Amino acid sequence: MTTRIDARFAALKAEGRAALVTFITAGDPDLETSTALLKALPGAGADVIELGMPFTDPMADGPAVQASGLRALNGGQTMRKTLAMVAEFRKADPATPMVLMGYYNPIYVHGVEAFLHDAKAAGVDGLIVVDLPPEEDEELCLPALKAGLNFIRMATPTTDEKRLPAVLANTSGFVYYVSVTGITGAAAPDAGKVGAAVARLKAHSHLPVAVGFGVKNAASAAAIAAKADGVAVGSALVEAVRTSLNGGKATAGTVGAVTALVQELAAGVRGAKQKVSA
């Protein structure tokens, strides 16, 4: 079964360029603004969208993403509202791949079977669940694959040759390579090291490799796009949300502040030189 994620990466490979994968947190800073932003991302240049499921204890995330999750939760964001956002987005956009990203607890509380049914019905294409290792694949990964959703796993600079096969075993859609050790938004990736890491992953998997953590501007996006099949940007975008707020509330410039950065990043990705072939 070919998902929207599979189709999008195949189309971009044919174009000879990397994907821009953008992350925002559902409900940040409020449901209305977040929904408007979500709808605006593809037009600004996003090829794949990761929508964060707000959680109180996001252990892999740095201060920017943590703060965005807290803004969303304080604004009353729930899993049902997040899924409703996807369904609303799908009314006008049947093609852009949508990945829900976050932690297992909110999914567990919703109920795995109910969550997978509701996510699929809303138009979700894939999941990135940071705190479920391969040893727990029967918990969510395998049921998700059976439901027709991609389950996207993260590999890191510390994922060694012994561990890598387990990480990749049930991964689908794409592999998310965390380019730096530590939390999101903590440091800038080294393009040279990223190229070697992407090549290593491709020796073990036919899947596209998207690289994230630390990409902040067009130059860094272009450098990564030259080495990988996708460039993932999150912290910089949720920080653009934060700096647009007035007293913690959205302003008339909030959506535009984020889409302007997405346009800049998209230009960097599209202008990148020859990238690694899949």
Protein backbone atom coordinates (compact mmCIF):
# COMPACT_ATOMS: atom_id res chain seq x y z
CA MET A 1 0.00 0.00 0.00
CA THR A 2 1.39 3.38 -1.05
CA THR A 3 0.77 6.21 1.40
CA ARG A 4 0.85 9.96 0.75
CA ILE A 5 4.30 9.95 2.34
CA ASP A 6 5.60 7.32 -0.09
CA ALA A 7 4.08 9.19 -3.03
CA ARG A 8 5.48 12.57 -2.00
CA PHE A 9 9.05 11.35 -1.51
CA ALA A 10 8.90 9.44 -4.82
CA ALA A 11 7.69 12.57 -6.63
CA LEU A 12 10.42 14.72 -5.10
CA LYS A 13 13.07 12.14 -5.93
CA ALA A 14 11.91 12.36 -9.55
CA GLU A 15 12.29 16.14 -9.30
CA GLY A 16 15.79 15.67 -7.92
CA ARG A 17 15.30 17.56 -4.70
CA ALA A 18 14.81 17.02 -1.01
CA ALA A 19 11.56 17.45 0.92
CA LEU A 20 10.96 20.26 3.39
CA VAL A 21 9.38 18.67 6.45
CA THR A 22 7.85 21.25 8.78
CA PHE A 23 6.78 20.81 12.40
CA ILE A 24 4.27 22.87 14.35
CA THR A 25 2.49 22.06 17.59
CA ALA A 26 -1.26 21.53 17.35
CA GLY A 27 -3.12 24.26 19.24
CA ASP A 28 -0.15 26.63 19.56
CA PRO A 29 -0.84 29.38 20.49
CA ASP A 30 -4.56 28.65 20.11
CA LEU A 31 -6.73 26.34 18.04
CA GLU A 32 -7.89 28.93 15.51
CA THR A 33 -4.42 30.32 14.78
CA SER A 34 -2.87 26.87 14.70
CA THR A 35 -5.48 25.65 12.22
CA ALA A 36 -4.89 28.68 9.98
CA LEU A 37 -1.14 28.07 10.12
CA LEU A 38 -1.54 24.38 9.31
CA LYS A 39 -3.58 25.24 6.22
CA ALA A 40 -0.98 27.81 5.12
CA LEU A 41 2.08 25.55 5.33
CA PRO A 42 1.83 23.75 1.95
CA GLY A 43 1.42 27.03 0.07
CA ALA A 44 4.51 28.38 1.82
CA GLY A 45 6.58 25.41 0.64
CA ALA A 46 6.11 22.58 3.13
CA ASP A 47 6.22 19.17 1.42
CA VAL A 48 5.45 17.08 4.51
CA ILE A 49 3.86 18.31 7.74
CA GLU A 50 4.58 17.02 11.22
CA LEU A 51 1.88 18.06 13.67
CA GLY A 52 2.93 17.85 17.30
CA MET A 53 0.58 16.24 19.81
CA PRO A 54 1.03 18.42 22.93
CA PHE A 55 2.26 16.57 26.01
CA THR A 56 3.24 17.73 29.48
CA ASP A 57 6.57 15.86 29.60
CA PRO A 58 8.23 16.02 26.16
CA MET A 59 11.60 14.58 27.13
CA ALA A 60 13.25 14.76 23.67
CA ASP A 61 12.28 18.37 23.06
CA GLY A 62 14.19 21.54 23.80
CA PRO A 63 12.81 24.71 25.37
CA ALA A 64 11.13 26.04 22.20
CA VAL A 65 9.02 22.93 21.52
CA GLN A 66 8.35 22.40 25.22
CA ALA A 67 7.02 25.95 25.48
CA SER A 68 4.83 25.51 22.41
CA GLY A 69 3.29 22.37 23.91
CA LEU A 70 2.55 24.16 27.16
CA ARG A 71 0.95 27.09 25.29
CA ALA A 72 -1.26 24.61 23.44
CA LEU A 73 -2.23 22.68 26.58
CA ASN A 74 -2.95 25.91 28.46
CA GLY A 75 -5.18 26.89 25.55
CA GLY A 76 -7.21 23.70 25.95
CA GLN A 77 -5.76 21.59 23.16
CA THR A 78 -6.72 17.89 23.30
CA MET A 79 -6.10 14.84 21.15
CA ARG A 80 -9.63 15.08 19.75
CA LYS A 81 -9.03 18.70 18.74
CA THR A 82 -5.72 17.72 17.14
CA LEU A 83 -7.39 15.02 15.05
CA ALA A 84 -10.17 17.47 14.15
CA MET A 85 -7.50 19.89 12.89
CA VAL A 86 -6.22 17.21 10.52
CA ALA A 87 -9.75 16.46 9.29
CA GLU A 88 -10.34 20.18 8.67
CA PHE A 89 -7.02 20.44 6.80
CA ARG A 90 -7.91 17.46 4.62
CA LYS A 91 -11.08 19.14 3.34
CA ALA A 92 -8.95 21.45 1.20
CA ASP A 93 -5.71 19.47 0.87
CA PRO A 94 -5.95 15.80 -0.12
CA ALA A 95 -2.29 15.41 -1.03
CA THR A 96 0.13 16.83 1.56
CA PRO A 97 1.42 14.08 3.88
CA MET A 98 0.52 14.56 7.54
CA VAL A 99 2.50 12.98 10.37
CA LEU A 100 1.48 13.13 14.02
CA MET A 101 4.55 13.47 16.21
CA GLY A 102 4.89 13.16 19.95
CA TYR A 103 4.77 10.73 22.83
CA TYR A 104 2.86 7.57 23.63
CA ASN A 105 0.97 8.72 26.70
CA PRO A 106 -1.75 10.79 24.92
CA ILE A 107 -2.26 7.92 22.45
CA TYR A 108 -2.51 5.37 25.26
CA VAL A 109 -5.06 7.53 27.07
CA HIS A 110 -7.12 7.87 23.88
CA GLY A 111 -6.91 4.09 23.40
CA VAL A 112 -4.65 2.59 20.73
CA GLU A 113 -7.40 1.03 18.62
CA ALA A 114 -9.58 4.13 18.82
CA PHE A 115 -6.63 6.41 18.09
CA LEU A 116 -5.56 4.50 14.99
CA HIS A 117 -9.14 4.44 13.69
CA ASP A 118 -9.67 8.14 14.38
CA ALA A 119 -6.26 9.17 13.00
CA LYS A 120 -6.80 7.24 9.77
CA ALA A 121 -10.31 8.63 9.41
CA ALA A 122 -9.03 12.18 9.92
CA GLY A 123 -6.41 11.81 7.18
CA VAL A 124 -3.23 11.14 9.14
CA ASP A 125 -0.54 9.32 7.13
CA GLY A 126 2.13 8.48 9.66
CA LEU A 127 3.31 8.55 13.26
CA ILE A 128 6.52 9.51 15.01
CA VAL A 129 6.33 8.38 18.63
CA VAL A 130 9.55 9.36 20.31
CA ASP A 131 9.39 7.20 23.44
CA LEU A 132 8.40 3.79 22.01
CA PRO A 133 11.50 1.69 21.24
CA PRO A 134 11.48 -1.22 18.76
CA GLU A 135 11.10 -3.66 21.68
CA GLU A 136 7.57 -2.29 22.10
CA ASP A 137 6.51 -2.58 18.45
CA GLU A 138 3.49 -4.72 19.28
CA GLU A 139 2.15 -1.86 21.41
CA LEU A 140 1.58 0.63 18.58
CA CYS A 141 3.95 0.22 15.62
CA LEU A 142 2.61 -3.05 14.25
CA PRO A 143 -1.06 -2.10 14.76
CA ALA A 144 -0.35 1.24 13.03
CA LEU A 145 1.22 -0.49 10.04
CA LYS A 146 -1.76 -2.85 9.87
CA ALA A 147 -4.07 0.19 9.87
CA GLY A 148 -2.24 1.64 6.87
CA LEU A 149 -0.22 4.27 8.68
CA ASN A 150 3.52 4.72 8.28
CA PHE A 151 5.52 4.34 11.48
CA ILE A 152 8.56 6.56 11.26
CA ARG A 153 11.50 5.77 13.49
CA MET A 154 14.35 8.00 14.58
CA ALA A 155 18.02 7.11 14.23
CA THR A 156 20.69 9.14 16.01
CA PRO A 157 24.47 9.63 15.94
CA THR A 158 24.66 7.08 18.77
CA THR A 159 22.65 4.38 16.93
CA ASP A 160 25.41 1.85 16.26
CA GLU A 161 25.58 -0.97 13.72
CA LYS A 162 24.28 -3.48 16.25
CA ARG A 163 21.23 -1.37 17.11
CA LEU A 164 20.39 -0.05 13.65
CA PRO A 165 18.66 -3.17 12.22
CA ALA A 166 16.21 -3.19 15.15
CA VAL A 167 15.49 0.51 14.67
CA LEU A 168 14.83 0.05 10.95
CA ALA A 169 12.98 -3.28 11.10
CA ASN A 170 9.40 -1.97 11.07
CA THR A 171 10.08 1.61 10.00
CA SER A 172 8.18 2.88 6.97
CA GLY A 173 7.60 6.14 5.12
CA PHE A 174 10.99 7.60 5.89
CA VAL A 175 13.76 7.43 8.46
CA TYR A 176 14.14 10.51 10.65
CA TYR A 177 17.83 11.07 11.34
CA VAL A 178 18.48 13.15 14.44
CA SER A 179 21.59 15.04 13.36
CA VAL A 180 22.82 16.05 16.80
CA THR A 181 22.90 14.35 20.18
CA GLY A 182 20.56 15.86 22.75
CA ILE A 183 17.29 17.74 22.53
CA THR A 184 15.55 19.53 19.66
CA GLY A 185 16.91 22.89 18.62
CA ALA A 186 20.05 22.50 20.73
CA ALA A 187 22.83 22.74 18.15
CA ALA A 188 23.50 23.16 14.45
CA PRO A 189 24.09 19.98 12.43
CA ASP A 190 27.42 19.32 10.71
CA ALA A 191 26.62 18.80 7.02
CA GLY A 192 29.71 16.64 6.47
CA LYS A 193 28.82 14.26 9.27
CA VAL A 194 25.21 14.22 8.09
CA GLY A 195 26.27 13.06 4.63
CA ALA A 196 28.19 10.12 6.09
CA ALA A 197 25.29 9.24 8.39
CA VAL A 198 22.76 9.32 5.53
CA ALA A 199 24.99 7.03 3.47
CA ARG A 200 25.24 4.61 6.39
CA LEU A 201 21.46 4.52 6.82
CA LYS A 202 20.94 3.96 3.10
CA ALA A 203 23.25 0.97 3.25
CA HIS A 204 20.70 -0.62 5.59
CA SER A 205 17.40 0.69 4.20
CA HIS A 206 15.72 1.67 0.93
CA LEU A 207 13.69 4.35 2.73
CA PRO A 208 14.20 8.10 2.25
CA VAL A 209 16.16 9.78 5.04
CA ALA A 210 14.99 13.10 6.47
CA VAL A 211 17.38 14.99 8.73
CA GLY A 212 16.27 17.21 11.59
CA PHE A 213 17.22 18.85 14.90
CA GLY A 214 19.04 22.18 14.61
CA VAL A 215 18.10 23.42 11.12
CA LYS A 216 17.22 27.11 11.49
CA ASN A 217 17.63 28.97 8.20
CA ALA A 218 17.88 28.68 4.42
CA ALA A 219 21.64 28.10 4.45
CA SER A 220 21.53 25.21 6.91
CA ALA A 221 18.47 23.78 5.11
CA ALA A 222 20.33 23.88 1.79
CA ALA A 223 23.41 22.22 3.29
CA ILE A 224 21.33 19.34 4.64
CA ALA A 225 19.18 19.09 1.49
CA ALA A 226 22.35 18.45 -0.51
CA LYS A 227 22.99 15.34 1.59
CA ALA A 228 19.55 13.95 2.46
CA ASP A 229 16.10 13.20 1.05
CA GLY A 230 14.39 15.56 3.47
CA VAL A 231 15.09 18.45 5.81
CA ALA A 232 12.99 18.61 8.98
CA VAL A 233 12.52 21.93 10.79
CA GLY A 234 10.60 22.37 14.05
CA SER A 235 12.16 24.45 16.80
CA ALA A 236 12.79 27.41 14.51
CA LEU A 237 9.15 27.43 13.44
CA VAL A 238 7.63 27.21 16.91
CA GLU A 239 10.08 29.91 18.00
CA ALA A 240 8.73 32.06 15.16
CA VAL A 241 5.28 31.53 16.67
CA ARG A 242 6.52 32.59 20.11
CA THR A 243 8.24 35.76 18.96
CA SER A 244 5.11 36.84 17.08
CA LEU A 245 2.91 36.74 20.19
CA ASN A 246 1.80 39.68 22.27
CA GLY A 247 1.24 38.85 25.90
CA GLY A 248 1.19 35.18 24.97
CA LYS A 249 -1.64 35.71 22.48
CA ALA A 250 -1.61 35.44 18.70
CA THR A 251 -1.30 38.61 16.67
CA ALA A 252 -2.22 39.50 13.10
CA GLY A 253 1.36 38.63 12.19
CA THR A 254 1.62 35.18 13.76
CA VAL A 255 0.75 33.06 10.73
CA GLY A 256 2.79 35.28 8.41
CA ALA A 257 5.86 35.12 10.66
CA VAL A 258 5.93 31.34 10.38
CA THR A 259 5.06 31.09 6.69
CA ALA A 260 7.76 33.65 5.84
CA LEU A 261 10.34 31.41 7.50
CA VAL A 262 8.93 28.35 5.71
CA GLN A 263 9.26 30.18 2.39
CA GLU A 264 12.88 30.99 3.21
CA LEU A 265 13.62 27.39 4.18
CA ALA A 266 11.84 26.08 1.08
CA ALA A 267 13.97 28.32 -1.12
CA GLY A 268 17.08 26.90 0.55
CA VAL A 269 15.93 23.32 0.04
CA ARG A 270 14.93 23.89 -3.57
CA GLY A 271 18.20 25.64 -4.35
CA ALA A 272 20.38 22.89 -2.94
CA LYS A 273 22.99 21.30 -5.16
CA GLN A 274 23.00 17.62 -6.10
CA LYS A 275 21.70 15.44 -3.33
CA VAL A 276 22.40 11.82 -2.42
CA SER A 277 20.37 9.46 -4.60
CA ALA A 278 18.11 6.97 -2.88
